[in-house]
Protein backbone atom coordinates (compact mmCIF):
# COMPACT_ATOMS: atom_id res chain seq x y z
CA UNK A 1 97.00 96.15 49.01
CA UNK A 2 100.49 96.38 47.50
CA UNK A 3 103.29 94.17 48.72
CA UNK A 4 105.33 97.24 49.67
CA UNK A 5 102.61 98.26 52.13
CA UNK A 6 102.87 95.05 54.19
CA UNK A 7 104.57 95.93 57.47
CA UNK A 8 104.39 92.63 59.40
CA UNK A 9 107.77 91.12 60.33
CA UNK A 10 109.75 94.37 60.30
CA UNK A 11 113.29 94.17 61.71
CA UNK A 12 114.01 97.77 62.62
CA UNK A 13 117.46 97.03 64.05
CA UNK A 14 118.80 95.80 60.72
CA UNK A 15 116.54 97.90 58.54
CA UNK A 16 115.22 94.85 56.68
CA UNK A 17 111.77 93.31 56.27
CA UNK A 18 110.58 89.81 55.79
CA UNK A 19 107.89 90.78 53.29
CA UNK A 20 108.64 94.39 52.32
CA UNK A 21 111.41 96.77 51.37
CA UNK A 22 113.64 99.18 53.25
CA UNK A 23 111.82 102.22 51.91
CA UNK A 24 108.54 100.81 53.16
CA UNK A 25 109.95 100.57 56.69
CA UNK A 26 111.04 104.18 56.69
CA UNK A 27 107.57 105.19 55.56
CA UNK A 28 105.96 103.63 58.57
CA UNK A 29 108.31 104.68 61.37
CA UNK A 30 106.31 105.78 64.43
CA UNK A 31 106.15 109.49 65.11
CA UNK A 32 106.50 108.96 68.88
CA UNK A 33 109.54 107.45 70.58
CA UNK A 34 109.56 103.76 71.46
CA UNK A 35 109.03 102.76 75.06
CA UNK A 36 112.24 101.66 76.77
CA UNK A 37 110.30 99.79 79.42
CA UNK A 38 112.13 101.76 82.12
CA UNK A 39 110.15 104.99 82.32
CA UNK A 40 108.39 105.09 85.68
CA UNK A 41 105.05 106.79 86.01
CA UNK A 42 106.50 109.19 88.56
CA UNK A 43 110.26 109.16 88.76
CA UNK A 44 113.57 110.23 87.25
CA UNK A 45 114.16 110.68 83.57
CA UNK A 46 115.46 107.37 82.15
CA UNK A 47 119.15 107.26 81.20
CA UNK A 48 119.80 107.96 77.54
CA UNK A 49 116.37 109.44 76.86
CA UNK A 50 116.66 112.82 75.18
CA UNK A 51 113.28 114.49 75.34
CA UNK A 52 112.96 118.08 74.14
CA UNK A 53 109.82 119.15 75.92
CA UNK A 54 108.11 122.42 76.58
CA UNK A 55 109.96 122.72 79.91
CA UNK A 56 113.36 121.50 81.02
CA UNK A 57 113.10 118.32 83.12
CA UNK A 58 115.06 118.21 86.39
CA UNK A 59 115.47 114.79 88.00
CA UNK A 60 117.10 116.18 91.16
CA UNK A 61 114.14 117.98 92.70
CA UNK A 62 114.61 117.92 96.50
CA UNK A 63 111.76 116.83 98.73
CA UNK A 64 112.53 119.50 101.34
CA UNK A 65 114.53 122.74 101.56
CA UNK A 66 118.26 122.33 102.35
CA UNK A 67 118.95 122.39 106.09
CA UNK A 68 121.75 124.93 105.65
CA UNK A 69 119.13 127.45 104.51
CA UNK A 70 117.05 127.04 107.67
CA UNK A 71 117.18 129.57 110.46
CA UNK A 72 119.41 128.81 113.43
CA UNK A 73 117.11 128.65 116.46
CA UNK A 74 118.59 128.40 119.94
CA UNK A 75 117.69 125.08 121.53
CA UNK A 76 116.80 123.49 118.17
CA UNK A 77 120.23 123.22 116.55
CA UNK A 78 120.05 119.48 115.81
CA UNK A 79 116.57 119.16 114.31
CA UNK A 80 115.80 118.22 110.72
CA UNK A 81 112.71 117.53 108.65
CA UNK A 82 112.46 114.16 110.40
CA UNK A 83 110.99 114.14 113.91
CA UNK A 84 113.61 114.05 116.68
CA UNK A 85 112.66 113.05 120.22
CA UNK A 86 113.54 115.57 122.93
CA UNK A 87 114.21 114.07 126.40
CA UNK A 88 112.47 115.91 129.24
CA UNK A 89 114.52 117.91 131.75
CA UNK A 90 115.02 116.31 135.15
CA UNK A 91 112.31 117.71 137.45
CA UNK A 92 113.09 119.15 140.85
CA UNK A 93 111.23 117.41 143.71
CA UNK A 94 109.58 120.64 144.81
CA UNK A 95 108.84 122.09 141.39
CA UNK A 96 106.69 119.39 139.84
CA UNK A 97 103.11 120.52 139.64
CA UNK A 98 100.57 117.98 140.92
CA UNK A 99 97.68 118.68 138.59
CA UNK A 100 96.20 115.21 138.99
CA UNK A 101 94.50 113.66 141.98
CA UNK A 102 96.41 110.86 143.66
CA UNK A 103 94.30 107.77 144.19
CA UNK A 104 95.27 104.87 146.45
CA UNK A 105 92.86 102.03 146.89
CA UNK A 106 93.66 98.77 148.60
CA UNK A 107 91.03 96.05 148.63
CA UNK A 108 91.05 92.78 150.48
CA UNK A 109 91.18 89.56 148.50
CA UNK A 110 87.62 88.58 147.54
CA UNK A 111 86.03 85.33 148.65
CA UNK A 112 85.81 82.54 146.05
CA UNK A 113 82.27 81.91 144.78
CA UNK A 114 81.02 78.40 145.45
CA UNK A 115 80.10 76.32 142.40
CA UNK A 116 77.79 73.33 142.87
CA UNK A 117 77.77 70.13 140.82
CA UNK A 118 74.54 71.26 139.19
CA UNK A 119 76.08 74.61 138.17
CA UNK A 120 79.18 72.89 136.79
CA UNK A 121 77.14 70.42 134.72
CA UNK A 122 74.87 73.17 133.38
CA UNK A 123 77.88 75.29 132.33
CA UNK A 124 79.41 72.29 130.54
CA UNK A 125 76.14 71.56 128.70
CA UNK A 126 75.94 75.16 127.49
CA UNK A 127 79.52 74.87 126.32
CA UNK A 128 78.82 71.61 124.45
CA UNK A 129 75.89 73.20 122.60
CA UNK A 130 78.28 75.74 121.06
CA UNK A 131 80.41 72.95 119.53
CA UNK A 132 78.57 70.97 116.84
CA UNK A 133 81.01 68.06 117.05
CA UNK A 134 80.61 67.59 120.82
CA UNK A 135 78.16 65.02 122.13
CA UNK A 136 75.89 65.86 125.09
CA UNK A 137 75.91 62.32 126.50
CA UNK A 138 79.18 62.75 128.37
CA UNK A 139 78.10 66.05 129.93
CA UNK A 140 74.73 64.57 131.05
CA UNK A 141 75.92 61.23 132.35
CA UNK A 142 79.40 61.86 133.74
CA UNK A 143 79.86 61.49 137.48
CA UNK A 144 81.42 64.57 139.05
CA UNK A 145 83.83 63.29 141.69
CA UNK A 146 85.57 66.43 143.02
CA UNK A 147 85.33 70.23 142.96
CA UNK A 148 88.43 72.21 143.80
CA UNK A 149 88.42 76.00 144.18
CA UNK A 150 91.42 78.19 143.40
CA UNK A 151 92.29 81.59 141.89
CA UNK A 152 94.31 83.06 139.05
CA UNK A 153 95.90 86.50 139.45
CA UNK A 154 96.06 89.09 136.67
CA UNK A 155 98.54 91.90 137.38
CA UNK A 156 98.53 94.98 135.12
CA UNK A 157 100.80 98.04 135.16
CA UNK A 158 99.95 101.13 133.12
CA UNK A 159 102.34 104.05 132.63
CA UNK A 160 100.98 107.23 131.09
CA UNK A 161 103.83 109.01 129.28
CA UNK A 162 104.34 112.23 127.38
CA UNK A 163 106.76 112.36 124.44
CA UNK A 164 107.82 115.53 122.61
CA UNK A 165 109.36 115.60 119.15
CA UNK A 166 110.49 118.53 116.99
CA UNK A 167 111.02 118.88 113.26
CA UNK A 168 111.03 121.45 110.51
CA UNK A 169 107.90 121.75 108.40
CA UNK A 170 106.87 123.94 105.47
CA UNK A 171 103.58 125.07 104.00
CA UNK A 172 102.70 127.23 100.97
CA UNK A 173 103.06 130.93 101.70
CA UNK A 174 100.37 133.10 100.14
CA UNK A 175 101.09 136.23 102.14
CA UNK A 176 100.32 137.49 105.61
CA UNK A 177 102.12 137.95 108.94
CA UNK A 178 105.03 135.69 109.82
CA UNK A 179 105.94 134.98 113.45
CA UNK A 180 109.73 135.08 113.17
CA UNK A 181 112.73 135.59 115.42
CA UNK A 182 112.14 139.37 115.48
CA UNK A 183 109.21 138.71 117.85
CA UNK A 184 111.42 137.16 120.52
CA UNK A 185 113.33 133.97 121.34
CA UNK A 186 111.64 130.64 120.69
CA UNK A 187 110.58 128.69 123.81
CA UNK A 188 112.21 125.33 124.43
CA UNK A 189 110.12 122.21 123.64
CA UNK A 190 109.37 121.36 127.29
CA UNK A 191 108.70 125.02 128.22
CA UNK A 192 105.54 125.10 126.09
CA UNK A 193 102.51 124.47 128.29
CA UNK A 194 100.54 121.57 126.80
CA UNK A 195 98.44 119.10 128.76
CA UNK A 196 96.35 116.06 127.82
CA UNK A 197 92.58 116.26 127.86
CA UNK A 198 92.52 113.49 130.49
CA UNK A 199 94.80 110.93 132.04
CA UNK A 200 95.31 107.43 130.61
CA UNK A 201 94.00 108.27 127.15
CA UNK A 202 96.08 108.12 123.96
CA UNK A 203 96.29 111.54 122.36
CA UNK A 204 98.46 113.55 119.96
CA UNK A 205 98.82 117.29 119.32
CA UNK A 206 100.74 119.33 116.76
CA UNK A 207 101.66 122.97 117.29
CA UNK A 208 104.01 125.45 115.65
CA UNK A 209 106.75 126.65 117.98
CA UNK A 210 106.34 130.41 118.41
CA UNK A 211 108.86 132.77 116.75
CA UNK A 212 110.40 130.12 114.43
CA UNK A 213 108.71 130.97 111.13
CA UNK A 214 110.41 132.38 108.03
CA UNK A 215 109.64 132.68 104.31
CA UNK A 216 111.87 130.91 101.78
CA UNK A 217 111.87 130.51 97.97
CA UNK A 218 110.27 127.25 96.97
CA UNK A 219 112.92 124.55 96.72
CA UNK A 220 110.85 122.44 94.34
CA UNK A 221 109.90 124.84 91.55
CA UNK A 222 112.56 127.55 92.05
CA UNK A 223 109.80 130.16 92.63
CA UNK A 224 108.12 129.47 89.24
CA UNK A 225 105.03 127.90 90.83
CA UNK A 226 105.06 124.85 88.57
CA UNK A 227 107.14 121.74 87.87
CA UNK A 228 107.65 119.59 84.78
CA UNK A 229 105.02 116.90 84.29
CA UNK A 230 106.49 113.53 85.26
CA UNK A 231 104.17 111.72 82.83
CA UNK A 232 105.23 113.40 79.61
CA UNK A 233 108.47 115.06 80.79
CA UNK A 234 107.34 118.48 79.60
CA UNK A 235 106.38 117.48 76.04
CA UNK A 236 102.65 117.77 76.56
CA UNK A 237 102.06 114.41 74.87
CA UNK A 238 102.75 110.73 75.36
CA UNK A 239 103.12 107.85 72.93
CA UNK A 240 99.75 106.46 71.91
CA UNK A 241 99.27 103.10 73.59
CA UNK A 242 96.70 101.90 71.06
CA UNK A 243 98.88 102.16 67.93
CA UNK A 244 102.30 102.14 69.69
CA UNK A 245 103.16 105.47 68.15
CA UNK A 246 102.58 104.53 64.48
CA UNK A 247 99.47 106.61 63.98
CA UNK A 248 97.93 103.70 62.09
CA UNK A 249 96.46 100.35 63.02
CA UNK A 250 96.67 97.35 60.71
CA UNK A 251 94.28 94.43 60.68
CA UNK A 252 93.34 91.98 57.94
CA UNK A 253 95.82 93.67 55.59
CA UNK A 254 94.00 96.97 56.08
CA UNK A 255 95.60 100.12 57.39
CA UNK A 256 93.42 102.61 59.22
CA UNK A 257 94.14 105.75 61.12
CA UNK A 258 94.27 105.25 64.88
CA UNK A 259 91.07 106.67 66.32
CA UNK A 260 92.73 107.19 69.67
CA UNK A 261 95.32 109.73 68.55
CA UNK A 262 93.88 110.98 65.26
CA UNK A 263 92.37 114.06 66.87
CA UNK A 264 95.47 114.98 68.86
CA UNK A 265 96.88 118.38 67.97
CA UNK A 266 100.37 116.92 68.58
CA UNK A 267 100.22 114.75 65.48
CA UNK A 268 99.62 111.05 64.73
CA UNK A 269 101.05 108.55 67.17
CA UNK A 270 100.96 111.11 69.92
CA UNK A 271 98.28 111.25 72.55
CA UNK A 272 97.54 114.35 74.62
CA UNK A 273 98.91 114.04 78.17
CA UNK A 274 95.95 113.90 80.51
CA UNK A 275 98.16 114.34 83.61
CA UNK A 276 99.01 117.93 82.74
CA UNK A 277 96.26 118.65 80.18
CA UNK A 278 98.93 118.88 77.43
CA UNK A 279 100.60 121.80 79.21
CA UNK A 280 103.80 119.98 80.04
CA UNK A 281 103.77 121.34 83.59
CA UNK A 282 101.98 120.74 86.86
CA UNK A 283 101.16 122.99 89.80
CA UNK A 284 103.94 122.77 92.37
CA UNK A 285 102.63 120.78 95.33
CA UNK A 286 105.14 122.35 97.74
CA UNK A 287 104.13 126.00 97.29
CA UNK A 288 100.72 125.53 95.62
CA UNK A 289 101.85 127.78 92.71
CA UNK A 290 102.76 130.72 95.02
CA UNK A 291 106.52 130.26 94.54
CA UNK A 292 107.27 130.69 98.26
CA UNK A 293 107.00 128.51 101.36
CA UNK A 294 106.76 129.28 105.05
CA UNK A 295 109.16 127.22 107.17
CA UNK A 296 108.71 126.74 110.92
CA UNK A 297 109.45 124.26 113.70
CA UNK A 298 106.66 121.85 114.56
CA UNK A 299 106.28 120.36 118.02
CA UNK A 300 104.57 116.97 118.20
CA UNK A 301 103.32 115.92 121.63
CA UNK A 302 102.21 112.33 122.12
CA UNK A 303 100.47 111.03 125.22
CA UNK A 304 100.32 107.25 125.40
CA UNK A 305 99.18 104.53 127.78
CA UNK A 306 101.88 101.86 127.99
CA UNK A 307 100.63 98.60 129.44
CA UNK A 308 102.43 95.52 130.77
CA UNK A 309 100.87 92.56 132.51
CA UNK A 310 101.57 89.23 134.19
CA UNK A 311 99.26 86.30 134.87
CA UNK A 312 99.96 83.89 137.72
CA UNK A 313 98.14 80.56 137.93
CA UNK A 314 99.17 76.94 138.49
CA UNK A 315 96.64 75.11 136.33
CA UNK A 316 98.15 75.71 132.87
CA UNK A 317 95.15 77.72 131.74
CA UNK A 318 95.46 79.84 128.56
CA UNK A 319 96.42 83.40 129.40
CA UNK A 320 93.83 84.73 126.98
CA UNK A 321 91.14 82.96 129.01
CA UNK A 322 92.22 84.50 132.31
CA UNK A 323 92.71 87.90 130.69
CA UNK A 324 89.19 88.29 129.34
CA UNK A 325 86.94 86.56 131.88
CA UNK A 326 85.42 88.52 134.77
CA UNK A 327 87.12 88.80 138.12
CA UNK A 328 87.33 91.11 141.10
CA UNK A 329 89.90 93.79 141.80
CA UNK A 330 91.88 92.90 144.93
CA UNK A 331 94.42 95.73 144.77
CA UNK A 332 94.48 99.04 142.90
CA UNK A 333 96.85 101.99 143.10
CA UNK A 334 97.21 105.16 141.03
CA UNK A 335 99.51 108.15 141.36
CA UNK A 336 102.43 110.08 139.84
CA UNK A 337 104.59 106.97 140.31
CA UNK A 338 103.75 103.65 141.94
CA UNK A 339 106.04 101.44 144.00
CA UNK A 340 106.28 97.69 143.49
CA UNK A 341 103.95 95.45 145.44
CA UNK A 342 105.49 93.79 148.47
CA UNK A 343 102.77 92.32 150.66
CA UNK A 344 100.49 90.56 148.15
CA UNK A 345 99.72 86.93 149.17
CA UNK A 346 101.08 85.54 145.87
CA UNK A 347 104.86 86.03 145.72
CA UNK A 348 104.87 85.68 141.91
CA UNK A 349 102.76 88.83 141.65
CA UNK A 350 105.17 90.73 143.95
CA UNK A 351 108.14 89.71 141.79
CA UNK A 352 106.32 90.56 138.56
CA UNK A 353 105.37 93.99 139.92
CA UNK A 354 108.97 94.79 140.90
CA UNK A 355 110.25 93.72 137.50
CA UNK A 356 107.67 95.58 135.41
CA UNK A 357 107.89 98.83 137.43
CA UNK A 358 111.66 98.83 136.94
CA UNK A 359 111.30 98.00 133.22
CA UNK A 360 108.98 100.96 132.68
CA UNK A 361 111.35 103.38 134.43
CA UNK A 362 114.21 102.27 132.22
CA UNK A 363 112.24 102.01 128.99
CA UNK A 364 110.67 105.47 129.03
CA UNK A 365 113.68 107.57 130.08
CA UNK A 366 113.29 109.76 126.97
CA UNK A 367 109.69 110.55 127.95
CA UNK A 368 108.01 112.15 130.92
CA UNK A 369 106.00 109.84 133.17
CA UNK A 370 102.84 111.70 134.13
CA UNK A 371 101.03 108.96 136.04
CA UNK A 372 101.07 105.27 136.79
CA UNK A 373 98.55 102.78 138.02
CA UNK A 374 98.71 99.11 138.90
CA UNK A 375 96.00 96.61 139.58
CA UNK A 376 95.65 93.01 140.67
CA UNK A 377 92.53 91.20 139.55
CA UNK A 378 91.53 87.89 141.12
CA UNK A 379 89.82 85.45 138.76
CA UNK A 380 87.99 82.53 140.44
CA UNK A 381 88.77 79.12 138.97
CA UNK A 382 86.99 75.87 139.77
CA UNK A 383 88.56 72.53 138.87
CA UNK A 384 85.93 69.86 138.14
CA UNK A 385 87.06 66.21 138.13
CA UNK A 386 84.74 63.61 136.66
CA UNK A 387 84.45 59.95 135.68
CA UNK A 388 82.75 58.74 132.46
CA UNK A 389 82.79 55.20 131.08
CA UNK A 390 85.63 54.19 133.32
CA UNK A 391 87.86 57.15 132.35
CA UNK A 392 88.80 60.06 134.57
CA UNK A 393 88.89 63.59 133.26
CA UNK A 394 88.96 67.24 134.28
CA UNK A 395 87.66 70.59 133.06
CA UNK A 396 87.74 74.09 134.54
CA UNK A 397 85.28 76.92 135.13
CA UNK A 398 86.86 80.38 134.95
CA UNK A 399 85.53 83.75 136.04
CA UNK A 400 82.21 84.69 137.55
CA UNK A 401 80.49 83.71 134.31
CA UNK A 402 81.86 80.14 134.67
CA UNK A 403 83.55 80.05 131.28
CA UNK A 404 84.38 76.41 130.49
CA UNK A 405 87.85 75.22 129.54
CA UNK A 406 87.70 71.55 128.55
CA UNK A 407 90.56 70.65 126.20
CA UNK A 408 90.04 66.90 126.78
CA UNK A 409 86.27 66.58 126.49
CA UNK A 410 85.70 62.85 126.07
CA UNK A 411 82.92 62.77 123.46
CA UNK A 412 83.85 64.38 120.15
CA UNK A 413 83.21 63.21 116.61
CA UNK A 414 86.48 64.48 115.14
CA UNK A 415 90.08 64.74 116.28
CA UNK A 416 90.60 68.37 115.22
CA UNK A 417 88.36 69.91 117.89
CA UNK A 418 90.10 72.17 120.35
CA UNK A 419 88.77 74.59 122.86
CA UNK A 420 89.75 78.17 123.01
């Protein structure tokens, strides 16, 4: 190999070589442009890059049609392509349709189940078996000195709301009838009759508002049906990544044609663009190559169960424990709108009910409250005091399944054990 063919150590900026000559450098210039390191896979054309492709590249393609080209629909003057919440009209007391069944159920406070020493010890032994670092000796030999029965109260308020949002949408138009303003005025968002499949179940529906459709030229491709490929910017080829655009690969002072781009019909150093199949253009995703779009107003209706809760107990038990163990319903009410509790034996539950009911009324003013229900669940709790090796301790049994809570179990083999 001649010395003039050595291309290692080329300084292209100055036009000099460490081992060759200037003419040799010009002979081996790549046929594809160098990467600037700033060309995104899908994005704007990089500043300063002058690509003469098959199709003119436009970096200002809008994602949606201009709002000033949309039809002016009465009652929908402020909407855009982003969903806008529409507050419900204030209902008249005599005009609200009761299409649900009001349910009111008051139950007396249940009696506390009695737990014997034998039951308490058996529950603790079962609990110890589920913790490999707990010893059974303490559970078997401890002396149970006192059983104390009490209750924890779990209050829950659920508000079933309906929210309506409007926005412009567009889909490809391939022909056919269009339900436009010539068919009549568009109904207001809350005048459209839509109901949930059932109460207290999350649900969402999308419908097109009648008489709001129109056909527009595609904003993305300007009715051509295609856009410039964002991978090759309309050229139909990209710089070969294997030879960096040289068309040749050098190794062990040998120069071979790049097998990756040698068969490309765009020339050496250039690899066919697989994104557009060397066409330089892609099918317009907005109009699906039809060149036109159909614009209309979309109504989104969301039904949601909004839940708030409060747990009242005086034994410092974890709320997660009280929330998920079994209990008995002492009070339950369901209807279009509930009133705060007033006569429940635990005053903390009455105060929590008043606060949460008021919070829901204030929080969901932009939505329609279809139904509410509140419930008080009584969870039996048994405090078990014991003595073992001269030390006093305590653990608790929660729920009808007697779930054990023993954060200070006296016989563990490591200090990192904690009970959940």
